[in-house]
Amino acid sequence: MILYVIDTTLTPPTERRFTTYPETVRYLEGMSKRAYGQTRKERMVLLEECGHGYDDTNSVTFVRSMADQFEMGVVRNDAGVNRRMKCDITSAELFQKSEFGD
């Protein structure tokens, strides 16, 4: 699975692609610093104070908060053409597990 993020914290805005979810989360941490001047931990403290709950081991709360401000999703290969599909990448990652089948 290929994940993408449109990084509008860069000039010009740039599409970044990743092959793993943890790699994407690490990149989003850098975007958080550029966009909000906050580390992931600082951002999560703010989100928790606003009632969003704590972050789990898969960074769901953090990633979804970043998805509220930045476009991200998966890259699908349709008939040989790579197309971006905006979606919840935390759910897309979850459904890659073998127990969900093909």
C-alpha atoms as a PDB file:
ATOM      1  CA  MET A   1       0.000   0.000   0.000  1.00  0.00           C
ATOM      2  CA  ILE A   2       1.249   3.452  -0.875  1.00  0.00           C
ATOM      3  CA  LEU A   3       0.150   6.366   1.320  1.00  0.00           C
ATOM      4  CA  TYR A   4       0.338  10.001   0.301  1.00  0.00           C
ATOM      5  CA  VAL A   5       0.275  13.362   2.066  1.00  0.00           C
ATOM      6  CA  ILE A   6      -0.031  16.761   0.398  1.00  0.00           C
ATOM      7  CA  ASP A   7       2.372  18.869   2.424  1.00  0.00           C
ATOM      8  CA  THR A   8       1.165  22.462   2.245  1.00  0.00           C
ATOM      9  CA  THR A   9       3.728  23.521   4.855  1.00  0.00           C
ATOM     10  CA  LEU A  10       6.278  23.534   2.016  1.00  0.00           C
ATOM     11  CA  THR A  11       6.488  26.054  -0.812  1.00  0.00           C
ATOM     12  CA  PRO A  12       5.286  24.949  -3.277  1.00  0.00           C
ATOM     13  CA  PRO A  13       2.916  22.381  -1.730  1.00  0.00           C
ATOM     14  CA  THR A  14       4.391  18.942  -2.350  1.00  0.00           C
ATOM     15  CA  GLU A  15       2.997  15.428  -2.533  1.00  0.00           C
ATOM     16  CA  ARG A  16       4.928  12.942  -0.392  1.00  0.00           C
ATOM     17  CA  ARG A  17       4.482   9.177  -0.752  1.00  0.00           C
ATOM     18  CA  PHE A  18       5.231   6.496   1.817  1.00  0.00           C
ATOM     19  CA  THR A  19       5.230   2.710   1.813  1.00  0.00           C
ATOM     20  CA  THR A  20       4.550   2.261   5.538  1.00  0.00           C
ATOM     21  CA  TYR A  21       2.183   3.803   8.043  1.00  0.00           C
ATOM     22  CA  PRO A  22       4.900   4.450  10.689  1.00  0.00           C
ATOM     23  CA  GLU A  23       6.968   6.308   8.079  1.00  0.00           C
ATOM     24  CA  THR A  24       3.925   8.486   7.322  1.00  0.00           C
ATOM     25  CA  VAL A  25       3.388   9.240  11.031  1.00  0.00           C
ATOM     26  CA  ARG A  26       7.032  10.321  11.397  1.00  0.00           C
ATOM     27  CA  TYR A  27       6.638  12.684   8.449  1.00  0.00           C
ATOM     28  CA  LEU A  28       3.414  14.116   9.916  1.00  0.00           C
ATOM     29  CA  GLU A  29       5.323  14.872  13.124  1.00  0.00           C
ATOM     30  CA  GLY A  30       7.612  17.154  11.112  1.00  0.00           C
ATOM     31  CA  MET A  31       4.621  18.754   9.420  1.00  0.00           C
ATOM     32  CA  SER A  32       3.100  19.450  12.838  1.00  0.00           C
ATOM     33  CA  LYS A  33       6.239  21.350  13.829  1.00  0.00           C
ATOM     34  CA  ARG A  34       6.161  23.395  10.617  1.00  0.00           C
ATOM     35  CA  ALA A  35       2.399  24.025  10.614  1.00  0.00           C
ATOM     36  CA  TYR A  36       1.689  24.554  14.305  1.00  0.00           C
ATOM     37  CA  GLY A  37       5.095  24.990  15.930  1.00  0.00           C
ATOM     38  CA  GLN A  38       4.245  21.967  18.082  1.00  0.00           C
ATOM     39  CA  THR A  39       5.806  18.580  18.533  1.00  0.00           C
ATOM     40  CA  ARG A  40       3.474  15.601  18.335  1.00  0.00           C
ATOM     41  CA  LYS A  41       3.410  15.418  22.127  1.00  0.00           C
ATOM     42  CA  GLU A  42       2.521  19.119  22.452  1.00  0.00           C
ATOM     43  CA  ARG A  43      -0.198  18.752  19.802  1.00  0.00           C
ATOM     44  CA  MET A  44      -1.669  15.748  21.617  1.00  0.00           C
ATOM     45  CA  VAL A  45      -1.773  17.647  24.926  1.00  0.00           C
ATOM     46  CA  LEU A  46      -3.760  20.393  23.172  1.00  0.00           C
ATOM     47  CA  LEU A  47      -6.101  17.877  21.521  1.00  0.00           C
ATOM     48  CA  GLU A  48      -6.659  16.085  24.833  1.00  0.00           C
ATOM     49  CA  GLU A  49      -7.496  19.405  26.515  1.00  0.00           C
ATOM     50  CA  CYS A  50     -10.049  20.046  23.737  1.00  0.00           C
ATOM     51  CA  GLY A  51     -11.708  16.699  24.477  1.00  0.00           C
ATOM     52  CA  HIS A  52     -10.345  14.546  21.662  1.00  0.00           C
ATOM     53  CA  GLY A  53      -9.058  11.840  24.004  1.00  0.00           C
ATOM     54  CA  TYR A  54      -5.629  10.322  24.293  1.00  0.00           C
ATOM     55  CA  ASP A  55      -3.499   8.991  21.447  1.00  0.00           C
ATOM     56  CA  ASP A  56      -3.114   5.243  21.111  1.00  0.00           C
ATOM     57  CA  THR A  57      -0.156   3.179  19.938  1.00  0.00           C
ATOM     58  CA  ASN A  58      -1.220   3.548  16.286  1.00  0.00           C
ATOM     59  CA  SER A  59      -1.339   7.365  16.501  1.00  0.00           C
ATOM     60  CA  VAL A  60      -4.975   7.423  15.389  1.00  0.00           C
ATOM     61  CA  THR A  61      -5.934  10.669  17.148  1.00  0.00           C
ATOM     62  CA  PHE A  62      -2.808  12.485  15.951  1.00  0.00           C
ATOM     63  CA  VAL A  63      -3.131  11.302  12.338  1.00  0.00           C
ATOM     64  CA  ARG A  64      -6.846  12.096  12.157  1.00  0.00           C
ATOM     65  CA  SER A  65      -6.218  15.582  13.561  1.00  0.00           C
ATOM     66  CA  MET A  66      -3.635  16.169  10.842  1.00  0.00           C
ATOM     67  CA  ALA A  67      -6.068  14.808   8.226  1.00  0.00           C
ATOM     68  CA  ASP A  68      -8.514  17.528   9.260  1.00  0.00           C
ATOM     69  CA  GLN A  69      -6.046  20.132   7.953  1.00  0.00           C
ATOM     70  CA  PHE A  70      -4.050  18.305   5.267  1.00  0.00           C
ATOM     71  CA  GLU A  71      -5.035  16.030   2.398  1.00  0.00           C
ATOM     72  CA  MET A  72      -3.883  12.445   2.755  1.00  0.00           C
ATOM     73  CA  GLY A  73      -4.928   9.011   1.582  1.00  0.00           C
ATOM     74  CA  VAL A  74      -3.809   6.038  -0.481  1.00  0.00           C
ATOM     75  CA  VAL A  75      -2.500   5.744  -4.017  1.00  0.00           C
ATOM     76  CA  ARG A  76      -4.463   3.197  -6.059  1.00  0.00           C
ATOM     77  CA  ASN A  77      -3.295   1.689  -9.293  1.00  0.00           C
ATOM     78  CA  ASP A  78      -6.285   1.751 -11.650  1.00  0.00           C
ATOM     79  CA  ALA A  79      -5.514   0.181 -15.023  1.00  0.00           C
ATOM     80  CA  GLY A  80      -1.858   1.167 -14.753  1.00  0.00           C
ATOM     81  CA  VAL A  81      -2.585   4.728 -13.641  1.00  0.00           C
ATOM     82  CA  ASN A  82      -1.732   5.801 -10.093  1.00  0.00           C
ATOM     83  CA  ARG A  83      -4.632   7.757  -8.623  1.00  0.00           C
ATOM     84  CA  ARG A  84      -4.845   9.419  -5.235  1.00  0.00           C
ATOM     85  CA  MET A  85      -7.828   8.459  -3.102  1.00  0.00           C
ATOM     86  CA  LYS A  86      -8.405  10.639  -0.069  1.00  0.00           C
ATOM     87  CA  CYS A  87      -9.329   8.461   2.892  1.00  0.00           C
ATOM     88  CA  ASP A  88      -8.709   7.741   6.564  1.00  0.00           C
ATOM     89  CA  ILE A  89      -5.233   6.226   6.408  1.00  0.00           C
ATOM     90  CA  THR A  90      -5.535   4.798   9.926  1.00  0.00           C
ATOM     91  CA  SER A  91      -8.470   2.648   8.769  1.00  0.00           C
ATOM     92  CA  ALA A  92      -6.709   1.766   5.517  1.00  0.00           C
ATOM     93  CA  GLU A  93      -3.717   0.559   7.547  1.00  0.00           C
ATOM     94  CA  LEU A  94      -5.942  -1.460   9.869  1.00  0.00           C
ATOM     95  CA  PHE A  95      -7.634  -3.291   7.001  1.00  0.00           C
ATOM     96  CA  GLN A  96      -4.257  -4.404   5.588  1.00  0.00           C
ATOM     97  CA  LYS A  97      -4.016  -7.023   8.352  1.00  0.00           C
ATOM     98  CA  SER A  98      -4.315 -10.630   7.214  1.00  0.00           C
ATOM     99  CA  GLU A  99      -7.405 -11.305   9.337  1.00  0.00           C
ATOM    100  CA  PHE A 100      -9.396  -9.011   7.039  1.00  0.00           C
ATOM    101  CA  GLY A 101      -8.526 -11.062   3.920  1.00  0.00           C
ATOM    102  CA  ASP A 102      -8.135  -9.658   0.427  1.00  0.00           C
END
